[in-house]
Amino acid sequence: MGLGAIGGFVAHRLAESGAAVSALARGATLAAVRADGLVLRDAADPEVGRAVALPVAERAADLGVQDLVVLTVKTTALASVPDSIAPLLGPHTAVLSAMNGVPWWFFHGLPGPWRGTRLDATDPGGVLAAAIDPSRVVGCVVHMAASCPAPGVVRQAFGERFIVGEPGGAQTPRLAAVADLLRAARLEVEVTPAIELAVWLKLWGNMTMNPISALTGATMDRILDDPLVRRFASNAMAEAAAIGERIGLPIAMTPDERHVITRKLGAVRTSMLQDVEARRPVELDALVGSVSEMGRRVGVDTPSIDALLGLTRLFARTRGLGG
């Protein structure tokens, strides 16, 4: 569900492995996959695409109940999910949540007073949790870069690491089955008892690199090579680390140590920069608004995060890109 860069990549790999895969799509993507199949240009062969045929539909009712729903929609499209996902869900259907930012199920398995917290930034009114009960969810954090150069075509740049885990850390048969399925699709899979920490660690870098790249048009290497911008990103990350401490997700590295890892990736165009260039709505609430809201909830001041949120929100609104 969500046949963009990540969803298309996963669907293609699963189909190649022999899994029975179907997909939801709309508009040009639906037409392209029906006509020519889903095309993947992977890192090993970036110029030549491989097409796979798979059932694709615009309405979930045309596909019916599934064993596993891989949810890879942009967070800006999550509002449409509650009305469309129900026909896919049977009594035992699992939902693999593989999206950016703080997901609606993030606090479901956390111990202590924050367990079950709902954020307005990611699930206003609780409609997502009502449509997809967190008990269905297997969490997934994706570490890869990909893009869609044309409808129904996915180009993998690098990486194929998928971290999966049950909210709360349980080791369950369905988690093992999901991990086996992804490994059969030649993905690099790590099973973790701390999926919330994996989500938080990825967000820790994304919450600065993505909006800064959207504002400036710069790739990640240029962002980190500017000492003033790097310091601003570090200040925002320090605020987020303090939030993590309050909710039981401490980060065992400094912002500068994380910058070293990020800088090695080179001239990466973030997903938010790609969205700006394609004039698509930006995923600001899930990546930045959620962290700002968490700061208010736990009593951590977030002046740098709030400045980044305000500037990027205004940037997006003046260009008709949401926010």
Protein backbone atom coordinates (compact mmCIF):
# COMPACT_ATOMS: atom_id res chain seq x y z
CA MET A 1 0.00 0.00 0.00
CA GLY A 2 1.98 2.94 -1.38
CA LEU A 3 3.78 2.07 -4.61
CA GLY A 4 6.40 4.80 -4.47
CA ALA A 5 10.16 4.40 -4.18
CA ILE A 6 10.27 2.24 -1.04
CA GLY A 7 6.97 0.45 -1.61
CA GLY A 8 7.82 -0.24 -5.23
CA PHE A 9 11.25 -1.57 -4.29
CA VAL A 10 9.82 -3.94 -1.66
CA ALA A 11 6.99 -5.10 -3.94
CA HIS A 12 9.41 -5.82 -6.78
CA ARG A 13 11.84 -7.76 -4.61
CA LEU A 14 9.01 -9.79 -3.03
CA ALA A 15 7.50 -10.57 -6.43
CA GLU A 16 10.88 -11.68 -7.78
CA SER A 17 11.27 -14.00 -4.79
CA GLY A 18 8.04 -15.78 -5.66
CA ALA A 19 5.76 -14.22 -3.06
CA ALA A 20 2.15 -13.58 -4.06
CA VAL A 21 2.19 -9.78 -4.18
CA SER A 22 -0.50 -7.31 -5.15
CA ALA A 23 -0.50 -3.54 -4.82
CA LEU A 24 -2.69 -0.48 -4.54
CA ALA A 25 -1.91 2.41 -6.88
CA ARG A 26 -3.58 5.36 -8.53
CA GLY A 27 -3.33 7.52 -11.64
CA ALA A 28 -0.21 7.30 -13.77
CA THR A 29 1.42 4.66 -11.55
CA LEU A 30 -1.61 2.38 -11.82
CA ALA A 31 -1.67 2.75 -15.60
CA ALA A 32 2.09 2.20 -15.98
CA VAL A 33 2.21 -0.96 -13.85
CA ARG A 34 -0.80 -2.42 -15.61
CA ALA A 35 0.75 -1.74 -19.01
CA ASP A 36 4.44 -2.45 -18.44
CA GLY A 37 4.80 -4.07 -15.04
CA LEU A 38 6.68 -2.67 -12.07
CA VAL A 39 10.24 -1.78 -13.10
CA LEU A 40 13.27 -1.78 -10.79
CA ARG A 41 16.66 -0.34 -11.65
CA ASP A 42 18.79 -1.51 -8.76
CA ALA A 43 22.20 -0.42 -7.53
CA ALA A 44 23.91 -3.37 -9.23
CA ASP A 45 22.44 -2.51 -12.65
CA PRO A 46 21.24 1.11 -12.56
CA GLU A 47 20.70 1.56 -16.28
CA VAL A 48 18.74 -1.59 -17.12
CA GLY A 49 15.40 -2.11 -15.44
CA ARG A 50 13.75 -5.43 -14.64
CA ALA A 51 9.97 -5.57 -14.90
CA VAL A 52 7.67 -7.82 -12.90
CA ALA A 53 3.97 -8.23 -13.46
CA LEU A 54 1.74 -8.08 -10.40
CA PRO A 55 -1.95 -7.49 -9.73
CA VAL A 56 -2.55 -3.81 -9.11
CA ALA A 57 -5.80 -2.10 -8.20
CA GLU A 58 -7.12 1.32 -7.28
CA ARG A 59 -9.54 0.00 -4.65
CA ALA A 60 -8.60 -2.27 -1.75
CA ALA A 61 -11.92 -4.09 -2.14
CA ASP A 62 -10.66 -5.44 -5.48
CA LEU A 63 -7.76 -7.17 -3.70
CA GLY A 64 -9.50 -8.44 -0.57
CA VAL A 65 -8.09 -9.72 2.71
CA GLN A 66 -4.30 -10.15 2.84
CA ASP A 67 -1.88 -12.02 5.12
CA LEU A 68 0.41 -8.98 5.32
CA VAL A 69 -0.09 -5.35 4.36
CA VAL A 70 3.16 -3.46 3.72
CA LEU A 71 2.30 0.17 4.45
CA THR A 72 4.70 2.52 2.68
CA VAL A 73 2.52 5.52 1.87
CA LYS A 74 3.86 9.00 2.39
CA THR A 75 2.78 10.30 5.76
CA THR A 76 1.07 13.18 3.96
CA ALA A 77 -1.34 10.59 2.52
CA LEU A 78 -2.10 8.83 5.81
CA ALA A 79 -5.43 10.63 6.18
CA SER A 80 -6.79 8.52 3.31
CA VAL A 81 -5.64 5.21 4.80
CA PRO A 82 -8.43 4.62 7.37
CA ASP A 83 -11.10 4.76 4.66
CA SER A 84 -9.22 2.53 2.21
CA ILE A 85 -7.40 -0.16 4.20
CA ALA A 86 -10.32 -1.99 5.83
CA PRO A 87 -10.98 -4.48 2.97
CA LEU A 88 -7.37 -5.70 3.25
CA LEU A 89 -7.60 -6.54 6.94
CA GLY A 90 -8.79 -9.92 8.18
CA PRO A 91 -8.68 -11.23 11.76
CA HIS A 92 -5.03 -12.25 11.46
CA THR A 93 -3.65 -9.68 8.99
CA ALA A 94 -0.40 -8.07 10.09
CA VAL A 95 0.61 -4.56 8.98
CA LEU A 96 4.29 -3.86 8.31
CA SER A 97 4.67 -0.13 8.95
CA ALA A 98 7.60 1.23 6.92
CA MET A 99 7.27 5.02 6.83
CA ASN A 100 9.18 8.13 7.81
CA GLY A 101 8.90 9.90 11.13
CA VAL A 102 7.04 9.06 14.33
CA PRO A 103 4.32 6.49 13.49
CA TRP A 104 0.90 6.30 15.11
CA TRP A 105 1.89 3.12 17.00
CA PHE A 106 5.14 4.54 18.41
CA PHE A 107 4.01 4.75 22.05
CA HIS A 108 1.98 1.52 22.02
CA GLY A 109 4.78 -0.66 23.39
CA LEU A 110 6.77 1.86 25.40
CA PRO A 111 6.91 1.22 29.15
CA GLY A 112 6.08 3.83 31.76
CA PRO A 113 3.78 6.84 31.74
CA TRP A 114 4.06 7.56 28.00
CA ARG A 115 2.62 4.19 26.93
CA GLY A 116 -0.35 4.73 24.62
CA THR A 117 0.32 8.43 24.03
CA ARG A 118 -1.28 9.80 20.86
CA LEU A 119 0.27 12.69 18.96
CA ASP A 120 -1.91 15.18 17.11
CA ALA A 121 0.91 15.63 14.60
CA THR A 122 0.76 12.00 13.47
CA ASP A 123 -2.74 10.76 14.33
CA PRO A 124 -5.20 13.63 14.80
CA GLY A 125 -8.34 12.37 16.46
CA GLY A 126 -6.93 8.85 16.78
CA VAL A 127 -8.46 7.75 13.46
CA LEU A 128 -5.37 5.79 12.37
CA ALA A 129 -5.17 3.80 15.60
CA ALA A 130 -8.88 3.06 15.28
CA ALA A 131 -8.46 1.82 11.68
CA ILE A 132 -5.17 -0.05 12.24
CA ASP A 133 -4.97 -1.28 15.80
CA PRO A 134 -1.34 -1.07 16.98
CA SER A 135 -1.57 -4.74 17.98
CA ARG A 136 -1.55 -5.56 14.24
CA VAL A 137 1.68 -3.69 13.62
CA VAL A 138 5.15 -4.99 12.96
CA GLY A 139 7.44 -1.97 12.95
CA CYS A 140 9.99 -1.46 10.19
CA VAL A 141 12.81 1.04 9.74
CA VAL A 142 14.22 1.31 6.21
CA HIS A 143 17.81 2.35 5.55
CA MET A 144 18.15 2.87 1.81
CA ALA A 145 17.90 5.57 -0.82
CA ALA A 146 15.64 5.25 -3.84
CA SER A 147 13.59 7.39 -6.18
CA CYS A 148 10.85 7.15 -8.80
CA PRO A 149 12.16 8.66 -12.06
CA ALA A 150 8.86 7.77 -13.76
CA PRO A 151 5.52 6.25 -12.78
CA GLY A 152 5.93 2.54 -12.10
CA VAL A 153 9.74 2.79 -12.17
CA VAL A 154 11.96 2.61 -9.08
CA ARG A 155 15.66 3.45 -9.05
CA GLN A 156 17.65 2.16 -6.07
CA ALA A 157 20.64 4.34 -5.19
CA PHE A 158 22.13 2.41 -2.28
CA GLY A 159 21.25 0.32 0.73
CA GLU A 160 18.65 -2.34 1.40
CA ARG A 161 18.71 -2.65 5.20
CA PHE A 162 15.40 -3.29 6.91
CA ILE A 163 15.09 -3.36 10.71
CA VAL A 164 11.93 -5.06 11.95
CA GLY A 165 10.45 -5.57 15.40
CA GLU A 166 7.28 -5.85 17.43
CA PRO A 167 6.27 -2.74 19.37
CA GLY A 168 7.27 -3.52 22.93
CA GLY A 169 9.95 -5.99 21.87
CA ALA A 170 8.16 -9.36 21.87
CA GLN A 171 9.59 -12.16 19.73
CA THR A 172 6.57 -13.57 17.92
CA PRO A 173 5.94 -16.12 15.14
CA ARG A 174 4.58 -13.38 12.88
CA LEU A 175 7.74 -11.30 13.35
CA ALA A 176 9.86 -14.31 12.41
CA ALA A 177 7.65 -14.94 9.37
CA VAL A 178 7.95 -11.32 8.20
CA ALA A 179 11.75 -11.42 8.63
CA ASP A 180 11.96 -14.67 6.65
CA LEU A 181 9.80 -13.21 3.88
CA LEU A 182 12.03 -10.14 3.54
CA ARG A 183 15.21 -12.21 3.64
CA ALA A 184 13.85 -14.41 0.85
CA ALA A 185 13.52 -11.18 -1.14
CA ARG A 186 17.30 -10.66 -0.77
CA LEU A 187 16.95 -7.81 1.70
CA GLU A 188 19.36 -7.22 4.57
CA VAL A 189 17.11 -7.83 7.59
CA GLU A 190 17.79 -7.17 11.27
CA VAL A 191 15.29 -8.26 13.92
CA THR A 192 15.37 -5.98 16.95
CA PRO A 193 13.73 -6.09 20.39
CA ALA A 194 13.80 -2.26 20.40
CA ILE A 195 12.04 -1.09 17.22
CA GLU A 196 11.04 2.19 18.87
CA LEU A 197 14.72 3.05 19.43
CA ALA A 198 15.48 2.17 15.80
CA VAL A 199 12.68 4.53 14.69
CA TRP A 200 13.96 7.26 17.00
CA LEU A 201 17.58 6.91 15.85
CA LYS A 202 16.65 7.25 12.19
CA LEU A 203 14.39 10.21 12.94
CA TRP A 204 17.19 11.85 14.94
CA GLY A 205 19.06 12.54 11.71
CA ASN A 206 16.10 12.85 9.34
CA MET A 207 14.38 15.56 11.38
CA THR A 208 17.18 17.99 10.50
CA MET A 209 18.63 16.84 7.17
CA ASN A 210 15.23 16.59 5.45
CA PRO A 211 13.79 20.05 6.23
CA ILE A 212 17.15 21.82 5.88
CA SER A 213 17.58 20.27 2.44
CA ALA A 214 14.05 21.32 1.51
CA LEU A 215 14.72 24.92 2.56
CA THR A 216 18.13 25.22 0.92
CA GLY A 217 18.01 22.80 -2.01
CA ALA A 218 21.31 21.34 -0.76
CA THR A 219 22.38 17.71 -0.58
CA MET A 220 23.41 16.30 2.79
CA ASP A 221 27.14 16.64 2.20
CA ARG A 222 26.81 20.41 1.57
CA ILE A 223 24.59 20.83 4.63
CA LEU A 224 27.15 19.19 6.90
CA ASP A 225 30.10 20.97 5.31
CA ASP A 226 28.69 24.36 6.35
CA PRO A 227 29.80 24.88 9.97
CA LEU A 228 26.93 27.20 10.90
CA VAL A 229 24.25 24.92 9.48
CA ARG A 230 25.93 21.90 11.04
CA ARG A 231 25.89 23.61 14.44
CA PHE A 232 22.20 24.45 14.07
CA ALA A 233 21.44 20.82 13.22
CA SER A 234 23.46 19.70 16.25
CA ASN A 235 21.47 22.01 18.54
CA ALA A 236 18.17 20.57 17.26
CA MET A 237 19.48 17.04 17.69
CA ALA A 238 20.54 17.80 21.28
CA GLU A 239 16.97 18.89 22.02
CA ALA A 240 15.60 15.68 20.51
CA ALA A 241 18.09 13.60 22.49
CA ALA A 242 16.76 15.20 25.69
CA ILE A 243 13.24 14.18 24.66
CA GLY A 244 14.46 10.64 24.09
CA GLU A 245 15.87 10.52 27.60
CA ARG A 246 12.48 11.52 29.03
CA ILE A 247 10.58 8.75 27.19
CA GLY A 248 13.12 6.02 27.83
CA LEU A 249 14.93 6.06 24.46
CA PRO A 250 18.41 7.42 25.22
CA ILE A 251 20.79 7.91 22.29
CA ALA A 252 24.32 6.65 22.91
CA MET A 253 26.14 9.01 20.53
CA THR A 254 26.67 12.72 20.08
CA PRO A 255 25.30 14.78 17.18
CA ASP A 256 28.85 15.14 15.81
CA GLU A 257 29.32 11.37 15.84
CA ARG A 258 26.09 10.99 13.88
CA HIS A 259 27.19 13.70 11.43
CA VAL A 260 30.34 11.71 10.64
CA ILE A 261 28.18 8.71 9.67
CA THR A 262 25.81 10.83 7.60
CA ARG A 263 28.63 12.69 5.82
CA LYS A 264 30.03 9.39 4.54
CA LEU A 265 26.84 8.90 2.52
CA GLY A 266 27.88 11.75 0.24
CA ALA A 267 25.65 13.93 -1.93
CA VAL A 268 22.29 12.45 -0.93
CA ARG A 269 19.11 14.22 -2.02
CA THR A 270 16.74 13.65 0.87
CA SER A 271 13.18 12.45 0.37
CA MET A 272 11.83 15.87 1.38
CA LEU A 273 14.05 17.61 -1.16
CA GLN A 274 12.79 15.20 -3.82
CA ASP A 275 9.21 16.03 -2.80
CA VAL A 276 9.87 19.78 -3.06
CA GLU A 277 11.42 19.39 -6.49
CA ALA A 278 8.44 17.29 -7.63
CA ARG A 279 6.01 19.77 -6.03
CA ARG A 280 4.58 17.11 -3.71
CA PRO A 281 3.43 17.82 -0.12
CA VAL A 282 6.27 17.51 2.40
CA GLU A 283 6.22 15.11 5.37
CA LEU A 284 6.72 17.84 7.93
CA ASP A 285 4.34 16.74 10.68
CA ALA A 286 5.78 13.24 10.98
CA LEU A 287 9.42 14.34 10.83
CA VAL A 288 9.47 17.62 12.77
CA GLY A 289 6.02 18.53 14.09
CA SER A 290 5.85 15.26 16.01
CA VAL A 291 9.14 15.97 17.80
CA SER A 292 8.08 19.51 18.66
CA GLU A 293 4.83 18.15 20.12
CA MET A 294 6.73 15.49 22.08
CA GLY A 295 8.92 18.21 23.58
CA ARG A 296 5.87 20.05 24.86
CA ARG A 297 4.40 16.83 26.26
CA VAL A 298 7.53 15.85 28.21
CA GLY A 299 8.65 19.33 29.25
CA VAL A 300 11.73 19.79 27.04
CA ASP A 301 12.27 23.20 25.42
CA THR A 302 12.86 22.88 21.68
CA PRO A 303 13.75 26.33 20.27
CA SER A 304 15.87 24.99 17.40
CA ILE A 305 13.35 22.31 16.44
CA ASP A 306 10.53 24.85 16.61
CA ALA A 307 12.46 27.32 14.43
CA LEU A 308 13.08 24.60 11.86
CA LEU A 309 9.42 23.57 11.97
CA GLY A 310 8.19 27.17 11.56
CA LEU A 311 10.54 28.02 8.71
CA THR A 312 9.86 24.83 6.77
CA ARG A 313 6.11 25.05 7.36
CA LEU A 314 6.06 28.60 5.99
CA PHE A 315 8.23 27.55 3.05
CA ALA A 316 5.83 24.72 2.25
CA ARG A 317 2.68 26.80 2.64
CA THR A 318 3.88 29.60 0.38
CA ARG A 319 4.53 27.00 -2.34
CA GLY A 320 1.35 25.01 -1.91
CA LEU A 321 3.18 21.98 -0.52
CA GLY A 322 1.13 21.48 2.62
CA GLY A 323 2.45 22.22 6.09
